[in-house]
Structures are given as C-alpha cells and as structure tokens.
Amino acid sequence: MILVNTDYIPGKELEVLGIVTGSTIQTRHVGKDITQAFKHLVGGELKEYNEMMDSARALATKRMTESAKELGADAIINIRYSSASIMQGAAEIMVYGTAVKFK
C-alpha cells in the first residue's frame, strides 16, 4: 500500500474509490503523568508523551490502511492527520485520505 500526502502518484493513473479514515483515542498513564510533571518544572522534551502520540498515529494509520484494503485500494493519497483533546488526559488522533486504485 502506497501512502502519500500529495494528490497524485507520479506515473500512475488513478481511480478514486473514496475517503478512508482511521482514529484512536489515547489516555495518559497516571504514573507517567507524575514523571512528566517533574520534566515540566525543569524543561525539556516530554518523551513519554511523544511515544504515546507516535503509537497513536501508527494505530490510526493502520486502521485507515485496513479500510482502504477492504475497498481494494492500491494507495491512499492526500493523507492528513489531526488531533483533538477529548477530555482532560485524553486525545483523539484522526487520519484520513483518499483511497485509489491504479488504472
């Protein structure tokens, strides 16, 4: 499966199958919150949160890709990510794109 954030794939003629999405909602771990709070006092990268968001993006992308495969897609173009706070301590990651088949 080819994944791109452009509206074309060089050298390929595309048939649009439709929009596909994937999402996940992640919450923080209380123990990790405490250690990250100390980091907030001294400054620096919040590595635990970065890892959580990387994992969430990977899971959302996997779900989107599975949806595209169900449609018989060869690729997904125009991929975009967004995130939103759902409640304190929880965030949604959404990914969407256009599933296409090569002609």
N, C-alpha and C. Protein backbone atom coordinates (compact mmCIF):
# COMPACT_ATOMS: atom_id res chain seq x y z
N MET A 1 0.86 -1.18 0.00
CA MET A 1 0.00 0.00 0.00
C MET A 1 0.90 1.23 0.00
N ILE A 2 0.67 2.10 -0.96
CA ILE A 2 1.41 3.35 -1.05
C ILE A 2 0.62 4.43 -0.30
N LEU A 3 1.30 5.17 0.57
CA LEU A 3 0.68 6.25 1.34
C LEU A 3 1.42 7.54 1.03
N VAL A 4 0.68 8.54 0.54
CA VAL A 4 1.31 9.83 0.22
C VAL A 4 0.40 10.98 0.66
N ASN A 5 1.02 12.15 0.87
CA ASN A 5 0.22 13.32 1.22
C ASN A 5 0.05 14.25 0.02
N THR A 6 0.32 13.76 -1.16
CA THR A 6 0.10 14.52 -2.40
C THR A 6 -1.20 14.04 -3.05
N ASP A 7 -1.68 14.77 -4.05
CA ASP A 7 -2.92 14.37 -4.71
C ASP A 7 -2.67 13.53 -5.97
N TYR A 8 -1.47 13.03 -6.11
CA TYR A 8 -1.14 12.18 -7.26
C TYR A 8 0.03 11.27 -6.88
N ILE A 9 0.25 10.28 -7.71
CA ILE A 9 1.42 9.41 -7.58
C ILE A 9 2.09 9.45 -8.96
N PRO A 10 3.32 9.93 -9.05
CA PRO A 10 3.97 10.08 -10.35
C PRO A 10 3.92 8.79 -11.17
N GLY A 11 3.51 8.93 -12.42
CA GLY A 11 3.49 7.81 -13.35
C GLY A 11 2.30 6.88 -13.20
N LYS A 12 1.35 7.21 -12.33
CA LYS A 12 0.18 6.35 -12.12
C LYS A 12 -1.10 7.10 -12.47
N GLU A 13 -1.99 6.42 -13.18
CA GLU A 13 -3.32 6.95 -13.42
C GLU A 13 -4.21 6.35 -12.35
N LEU A 14 -5.01 7.20 -11.70
CA LEU A 14 -5.74 6.77 -10.51
C LEU A 14 -7.25 6.77 -10.70
N GLU A 15 -7.89 5.79 -10.09
CA GLU A 15 -9.34 5.73 -9.98
C GLU A 15 -9.67 5.95 -8.51
N VAL A 16 -10.46 6.96 -8.21
CA VAL A 16 -10.82 7.28 -6.82
C VAL A 16 -11.87 6.30 -6.32
N LEU A 17 -11.60 5.71 -5.15
CA LEU A 17 -12.54 4.78 -4.53
C LEU A 17 -13.34 5.44 -3.41
N GLY A 18 -12.77 6.43 -2.76
CA GLY A 18 -13.48 7.12 -1.69
C GLY A 18 -12.58 7.50 -0.54
N ILE A 19 -13.15 8.20 0.41
CA ILE A 19 -12.41 8.64 1.58
C ILE A 19 -12.31 7.49 2.58
N VAL A 20 -11.14 7.36 3.18
CA VAL A 20 -10.93 6.37 4.24
C VAL A 20 -10.39 7.10 5.47
N THR A 21 -10.73 6.57 6.63
CA THR A 21 -10.31 7.20 7.88
C THR A 21 -9.80 6.15 8.85
N GLY A 22 -9.09 6.63 9.84
CA GLY A 22 -8.66 5.81 10.96
C GLY A 22 -8.51 6.72 12.16
N SER A 23 -8.83 6.21 13.34
CA SER A 23 -8.69 7.06 14.52
C SER A 23 -8.45 6.20 15.76
N THR A 24 -7.99 6.85 16.79
CA THR A 24 -7.83 6.23 18.09
C THR A 24 -7.88 7.32 19.15
N ILE A 25 -8.29 6.95 20.33
CA ILE A 25 -8.27 7.87 21.46
C ILE A 25 -7.33 7.27 22.49
N GLN A 26 -6.36 8.06 22.89
CA GLN A 26 -5.35 7.61 23.84
C GLN A 26 -5.47 8.41 25.13
N THR A 27 -5.22 7.74 26.24
CA THR A 27 -5.20 8.42 27.54
C THR A 27 -3.81 8.29 28.13
N ARG A 28 -3.52 9.18 29.03
CA ARG A 28 -2.22 9.17 29.69
C ARG A 28 -2.27 8.24 30.89
N HIS A 29 -1.12 7.74 31.25
CA HIS A 29 -0.95 6.86 32.41
C HIS A 29 -0.60 7.73 33.61
N VAL A 30 -1.27 7.54 34.75
CA VAL A 30 -1.07 8.39 35.92
C VAL A 30 0.39 8.40 36.36
N GLY A 31 1.03 7.25 36.40
CA GLY A 31 2.45 7.19 36.80
C GLY A 31 3.34 7.98 35.87
N LYS A 32 3.06 7.90 34.58
CA LYS A 32 3.85 8.65 33.62
C LYS A 32 3.56 10.15 33.75
N ASP A 33 2.32 10.50 34.09
CA ASP A 33 1.97 11.90 34.29
C ASP A 33 2.83 12.52 35.38
N ILE A 34 3.05 11.78 36.45
CA ILE A 34 3.84 12.30 37.56
C ILE A 34 5.28 12.57 37.12
N THR A 35 5.88 11.62 36.41
CA THR A 35 7.27 11.82 35.96
C THR A 35 7.36 12.94 34.94
N GLN A 36 6.35 13.08 34.09
CA GLN A 36 6.36 14.14 33.09
C GLN A 36 6.12 15.51 33.74
N ALA A 37 5.41 15.53 34.86
CA ALA A 37 5.18 16.79 35.58
C ALA A 37 6.51 17.34 36.10
N PHE A 38 7.40 16.47 36.56
CA PHE A 38 8.71 16.92 37.00
C PHE A 38 9.49 17.52 35.83
N LYS A 39 9.35 16.94 34.66
CA LYS A 39 10.02 17.44 33.46
C LYS A 39 9.52 18.84 33.14
N HIS A 40 8.24 19.08 33.42
CA HIS A 40 7.65 20.39 33.17
C HIS A 40 8.35 21.46 34.03
N LEU A 41 8.77 21.09 35.21
CA LEU A 41 9.44 22.04 36.10
C LEU A 41 10.82 22.44 35.60
N VAL A 42 11.56 21.49 35.03
CA VAL A 42 12.93 21.76 34.62
C VAL A 42 13.06 22.01 33.12
N GLY A 43 12.01 21.72 32.38
CA GLY A 43 12.04 21.91 30.93
C GLY A 43 12.58 20.68 30.21
N GLY A 44 12.36 20.64 28.94
CA GLY A 44 12.85 19.53 28.13
C GLY A 44 11.72 18.80 27.43
N GLU A 45 12.13 17.84 26.64
CA GLU A 45 11.17 17.06 25.84
C GLU A 45 10.39 16.09 26.72
N LEU A 46 9.10 15.97 26.45
CA LEU A 46 8.25 15.03 27.17
C LEU A 46 8.21 13.72 26.37
N LYS A 47 9.24 12.92 26.53
CA LYS A 47 9.43 11.72 25.69
C LYS A 47 8.29 10.71 25.83
N GLU A 48 7.77 10.54 27.03
CA GLU A 48 6.66 9.60 27.23
C GLU A 48 5.45 10.00 26.39
N TYR A 49 5.15 11.29 26.33
CA TYR A 49 4.02 11.75 25.54
C TYR A 49 4.31 11.63 24.04
N ASN A 50 5.54 11.89 23.65
CA ASN A 50 5.90 11.70 22.24
C ASN A 50 5.70 10.26 21.81
N GLU A 51 6.12 9.33 22.66
CA GLU A 51 5.96 7.91 22.36
C GLU A 51 4.48 7.54 22.26
N MET A 52 3.67 8.09 23.17
CA MET A 52 2.23 7.81 23.15
C MET A 52 1.61 8.32 21.84
N MET A 53 1.98 9.52 21.43
CA MET A 53 1.41 10.09 20.21
C MET A 53 1.91 9.36 18.96
N ASP A 54 3.17 8.94 18.95
CA ASP A 54 3.69 8.15 17.83
C ASP A 54 2.92 6.84 17.70
N SER A 55 2.68 6.20 18.83
CA SER A 55 1.92 4.95 18.83
C SER A 55 0.50 5.18 18.35
N ALA A 56 -0.12 6.26 18.79
CA ALA A 56 -1.49 6.58 18.37
C ALA A 56 -1.56 6.85 16.87
N ARG A 57 -0.60 7.59 16.34
CA ARG A 57 -0.59 7.86 14.89
C ARG A 57 -0.42 6.56 14.10
N ALA A 58 0.45 5.68 14.58
CA ALA A 58 0.67 4.40 13.89
C ALA A 58 -0.61 3.56 13.89
N LEU A 59 -1.31 3.52 15.02
CA LEU A 59 -2.54 2.74 15.10
C LEU A 59 -3.62 3.33 14.20
N ALA A 60 -3.78 4.64 14.20
CA ALA A 60 -4.77 5.29 13.35
C ALA A 60 -4.46 5.03 11.87
N THR A 61 -3.18 5.11 11.51
CA THR A 61 -2.77 4.86 10.12
C THR A 61 -3.07 3.42 9.73
N LYS A 62 -2.80 2.49 10.63
CA LYS A 62 -3.09 1.07 10.36
C LYS A 62 -4.58 0.87 10.11
N ARG A 63 -5.41 1.51 10.91
CA ARG A 63 -6.86 1.38 10.74
C ARG A 63 -7.33 1.97 9.41
N MET A 64 -6.75 3.11 9.03
CA MET A 64 -7.09 3.71 7.75
C MET A 64 -6.68 2.79 6.60
N THR A 65 -5.49 2.24 6.69
CA THR A 65 -4.97 1.34 5.65
C THR A 65 -5.85 0.10 5.52
N GLU A 66 -6.30 -0.45 6.63
CA GLU A 66 -7.20 -1.61 6.60
C GLU A 66 -8.51 -1.27 5.89
N SER A 67 -9.03 -0.07 6.12
CA SER A 67 -10.26 0.36 5.44
C SER A 67 -10.04 0.46 3.94
N ALA A 68 -8.88 0.97 3.55
CA ALA A 68 -8.56 1.09 2.12
C ALA A 68 -8.42 -0.29 1.46
N LYS A 69 -7.81 -1.22 2.17
CA LYS A 69 -7.66 -2.58 1.63
C LYS A 69 -9.01 -3.23 1.40
N GLU A 70 -9.97 -2.97 2.30
CA GLU A 70 -11.32 -3.52 2.15
C GLU A 70 -11.99 -3.00 0.88
N LEU A 71 -11.60 -1.81 0.44
CA LEU A 71 -12.14 -1.23 -0.80
C LEU A 71 -11.38 -1.71 -2.04
N GLY A 72 -10.28 -2.43 -1.83
CA GLY A 72 -9.46 -2.88 -2.95
C GLY A 72 -8.47 -1.84 -3.42
N ALA A 73 -8.10 -0.91 -2.57
CA ALA A 73 -7.20 0.18 -2.94
C ALA A 73 -5.76 -0.29 -3.09
N ASP A 74 -5.05 0.41 -3.97
CA ASP A 74 -3.62 0.21 -4.14
C ASP A 74 -2.82 1.26 -3.38
N ALA A 75 -3.47 2.39 -3.08
CA ALA A 75 -2.78 3.50 -2.43
C ALA A 75 -3.78 4.41 -1.74
N ILE A 76 -3.24 5.29 -0.89
CA ILE A 76 -4.05 6.34 -0.27
C ILE A 76 -3.31 7.65 -0.53
N ILE A 77 -4.02 8.60 -1.11
CA ILE A 77 -3.42 9.91 -1.42
C ILE A 77 -4.04 10.98 -0.51
N ASN A 78 -3.42 12.15 -0.51
CA ASN A 78 -3.92 13.30 0.27
C ASN A 78 -4.08 12.98 1.76
N ILE A 79 -3.15 12.25 2.33
CA ILE A 79 -3.26 11.87 3.74
C ILE A 79 -3.04 13.08 4.63
N ARG A 80 -3.92 13.22 5.63
CA ARG A 80 -3.84 14.30 6.60
C ARG A 80 -4.08 13.74 8.00
N TYR A 81 -3.41 14.33 8.97
CA TYR A 81 -3.58 13.96 10.38
C TYR A 81 -4.16 15.13 11.15
N SER A 82 -4.95 14.82 12.15
CA SER A 82 -5.42 15.85 13.07
C SER A 82 -5.51 15.25 14.46
N SER A 83 -5.49 16.13 15.44
CA SER A 83 -5.64 15.66 16.82
C SER A 83 -6.55 16.63 17.55
N ALA A 84 -7.21 16.10 18.56
CA ALA A 84 -8.12 16.93 19.36
C ALA A 84 -8.16 16.40 20.78
N SER A 85 -8.28 17.30 21.70
CA SER A 85 -8.44 16.93 23.09
C SER A 85 -9.89 16.50 23.31
N ILE A 86 -10.08 15.31 23.84
CA ILE A 86 -11.42 14.78 24.06
C ILE A 86 -11.90 15.15 25.46
N MET A 87 -11.01 15.00 26.41
CA MET A 87 -11.25 15.37 27.79
C MET A 87 -9.88 15.51 28.44
N GLN A 88 -9.82 15.97 29.66
CA GLN A 88 -8.52 16.12 30.29
C GLN A 88 -7.82 14.76 30.35
N GLY A 89 -6.64 14.71 29.79
CA GLY A 89 -5.86 13.48 29.82
C GLY A 89 -6.13 12.52 28.67
N ALA A 90 -6.97 12.91 27.69
CA ALA A 90 -7.26 12.02 26.56
C ALA A 90 -7.26 12.83 25.27
N ALA A 91 -6.68 12.25 24.22
CA ALA A 91 -6.62 12.92 22.93
C ALA A 91 -7.00 11.93 21.82
N GLU A 92 -7.68 12.45 20.81
CA GLU A 92 -8.01 11.65 19.63
C GLU A 92 -7.03 12.00 18.52
N ILE A 93 -6.56 10.98 17.84
CA ILE A 93 -5.76 11.14 16.62
C ILE A 93 -6.63 10.63 15.48
N MET A 94 -6.78 11.45 14.46
CA MET A 94 -7.57 11.09 13.28
C MET A 94 -6.66 11.22 12.06
N VAL A 95 -6.75 10.24 11.17
CA VAL A 95 -6.04 10.31 9.91
C VAL A 95 -7.06 10.01 8.81
N TYR A 96 -6.94 10.72 7.69
CA TYR A 96 -7.87 10.50 6.59
C TYR A 96 -7.17 10.74 5.27
N GLY A 97 -7.70 10.13 4.24
CA GLY A 97 -7.14 10.29 2.90
C GLY A 97 -8.10 9.73 1.88
N THR A 98 -7.67 9.72 0.63
CA THR A 98 -8.48 9.23 -0.47
C THR A 98 -7.91 7.90 -0.96
N ALA A 99 -8.72 6.86 -0.88
CA ALA A 99 -8.31 5.55 -1.36
C ALA A 99 -8.41 5.54 -2.89
N VAL A 100 -7.37 5.02 -3.54
CA VAL A 100 -7.34 4.98 -5.01
C VAL A 100 -6.86 3.62 -5.49
N LYS A 101 -7.25 3.30 -6.70
CA LYS A 101 -6.82 2.08 -7.39
C LYS A 101 -6.08 2.51 -8.65
N PHE A 102 -5.03 1.79 -9.00
CA PHE A 102 -4.29 2.09 -10.22
C PHE A 102 -5.07 1.58 -11.42
N LYS A 103 -5.13 2.41 -12.48
CA LYS A 103 -5.81 2.01 -13.72
C LYS A 103 -4.88 1.19 -14.58
